[in-house]
Amino acid sequence: MGENTKQPKKGLGRLLEIAGTKKTLLTISCIVSVISTLLMFTPFISIYFIIEEVIKNASNISAIDIELIRNCGIYALIGLILSLITLYISTMCSHVAAFRILYNLRMKLVNHLAKLPMGYHTKKSSGSIKKTLELSVEKIEGFIAHQLPDLVGAIVSPLVILVSMYILDWRLALAATVPIVFSFTLQAIAFSGKKGADGMKNYHDKLEQMNASGVEFIRGMPMVKVFGMKVENFFKFRDSIMEYKEWGAKYSDFCKKPYNVFLVILSSIAAFIVPVGIFILSKDPSNQALALTVMIFVVLVPGISIPILKLMYLGGNMRLIAEGTARMDKIFSQEPLVEPLNPKIPSSYDVSFENVSFSYIQENNEKVHALKDVSIKANSDEITALVGPSGSGKSTIANLIPRFWEVDKGAIKIGGIDIRDIGTEKLMNIIAFVFQDVHLFYDTIEENIKMGQEASFEEVKKAAKIACCDTFIQKLPEGYKTKIGEGGTYLSGGEAQRIGIARAIIKNAPILILDEATAYADAENEQEIQNGLSALIKNKTVIVIAHRLSTIKEADQILVIENGKVVGADKHNNLFDNNELYRRMWEAHIQADGWEFGKNEKVLIDREVIA
């Protein structure tokens, strides 16, 4: 209970929590960074002793201790070299820690995303997830590798200078402190308010929108080219770029005044010290020690502005990183599919739906009912076909079997065991899914067919032959070793679909779900693919989503789906005689098969409209 009620950390606290996973390396990095910062003061200390020696012997230059000045120069050089060496060690430690954290964080995110229901992925655009997975995590690496050691050094450096100033002369130190405090107060007021927080949120929102639109634009490039659209005409992408540009201009305008005031004040600390120093010296002009102190202050003051400016930049970057981290944590906050403590293994592979209802949740959190009290059964060693109008719920039924979503009500069972009690890994092992749109990875054709399965090359080739892939694969530059995608070979829709069938053949799972596995096949290859599928479906529970009704005429059971409900379940002949919806669909299918361009008056193209 205590863990559930504990509020998650945000901002810098959360970043330090992430960094804490490699505590030893980062502790060493921070300690060495402090040593490096302290060594940086060696030249200033040397300058102090040199100025002191010069002022003491101002009336007799020949009395100046040259040996002392030479030694001070040597110490300053040694201190500077040691400072650079320790800085290098600190940076190396922080980089090693950062890259290890980066790897672990990305793997954790990827594993978590893989465990989330498909509903999350349909609601979130791939562009926004990509932005979080790449850019937001990359910025965390930058914080740990560079900014965390810099932050320690940037805090230690001004503190050491300020403490030294107050030890030397509190009046001059106060004159230096007032502008620093004043400039930081202005920054805090400007950026810590609602406008500053909203600015960071809007930055990530606009960037995510631009990423999402960019991915969509690239995927839609064939349509863009075919219809002769220009980039400016692809309004969603163009608008997202313009919105990002407008946000950047507005936020820059918002930052301009407080930043300029901050920079001017911080760069002019000496202007506050000199008048105070002159005023103090005017009361005691012969005080050499005081004159030395004023000179030291003039030397030290420029040194304090650099780490303070660094702190300011770090603050701005941390606001940016913190917002990205919050979005990453938002992904982690999504509940993954609940896994059973004691997974059960079904002994048979019939699939049954028992009063299943399911709704999609839209981005505005409105429910869209997809299935309502569906009760069906697909028997082992039989083909069950799902038919119905577009949007009737066919694909939803198929996607619920591998538990891509959780049902709202009822249960889906395999061999009498609820799929929630089987466990995701085992469930994925007993189901093969041939999607209508097959995703191919940037890898060789052989690896794309294997898809992580233990299979020899001969088994891959055999599966490819059954799926009618082998002929076109042999014609490729490197055969089965040809890479698919960027820098490789692009396959047609039909070829990609046959690769998907070969995957299913290699997997040889007892439950097979086919989403119109011949959708992209031409007339020449369709019969061959059907023959391949005939070999694939033997002794399996087969569920087919059918768009071409002729492909499922001989199915053992045909389920007619309409508006999320089963309105018919029987063989073809009985349904054709007794189910009005099924008969209308068949008549439309037969009419479409006999259609020829230009002969059907109902579909003639109005040439005048096109002209």
Foldseek 3Di string as FASTA:
>chain_A
DVVVPDDDDFFPVNLVVLLCVLVVLLVLLQVLLLLLLVLQCLLLVLVLVQLVQCLVCVVPNVPRDVVSNVVSVVSNVVSNVSSVVSNVSSLVSLLVSLVVSLVVLLVVLVVLVVQAFLLVPVQAFPQLVVCLSPVLSVLSSVCRNPVSSLVSSLVSNLVVLLVVLCVLPVQLSVLLVVLLVVLVVLVCVLQVDPVNLVLLLVLSVLSSQLRRLVVVCVVCVVVCVVVVHDPVRSPSNVVSVVSNVVSVVVVCVSVVVSVVSSVVSLQCSLVSNVVVLVVVCVVPVVPSSSVSSSVSCSVCSVVSSVSSVSVVVSVSSSSNSSSSVVVSVVSVPRDGQDAAPQADDAPAFKKWWAQFWAWRQHPVRDTDTQAGGATDIQHWQFEEEEEEDPSLRQVVVVSPQLPSDDTPDTFMDTNNHGPNRHGNVVSVLQEAEQALAADADQFFLLCRLQVPPDDDPVLLLVLLVLLVQQVVQVVAPVRRRFTDDVVTDDDDSQNRLSSSSSSLQRSLHQEYEYEPSCPPPDPVCPVSNLSSVVVSRGRHRYYYHDPQVVSCLPGQWYFYGGNNYTPDIGHNVVCCVPPPRSVVSVVVNVVVVPDDAPPDPVPDDDVVVVD
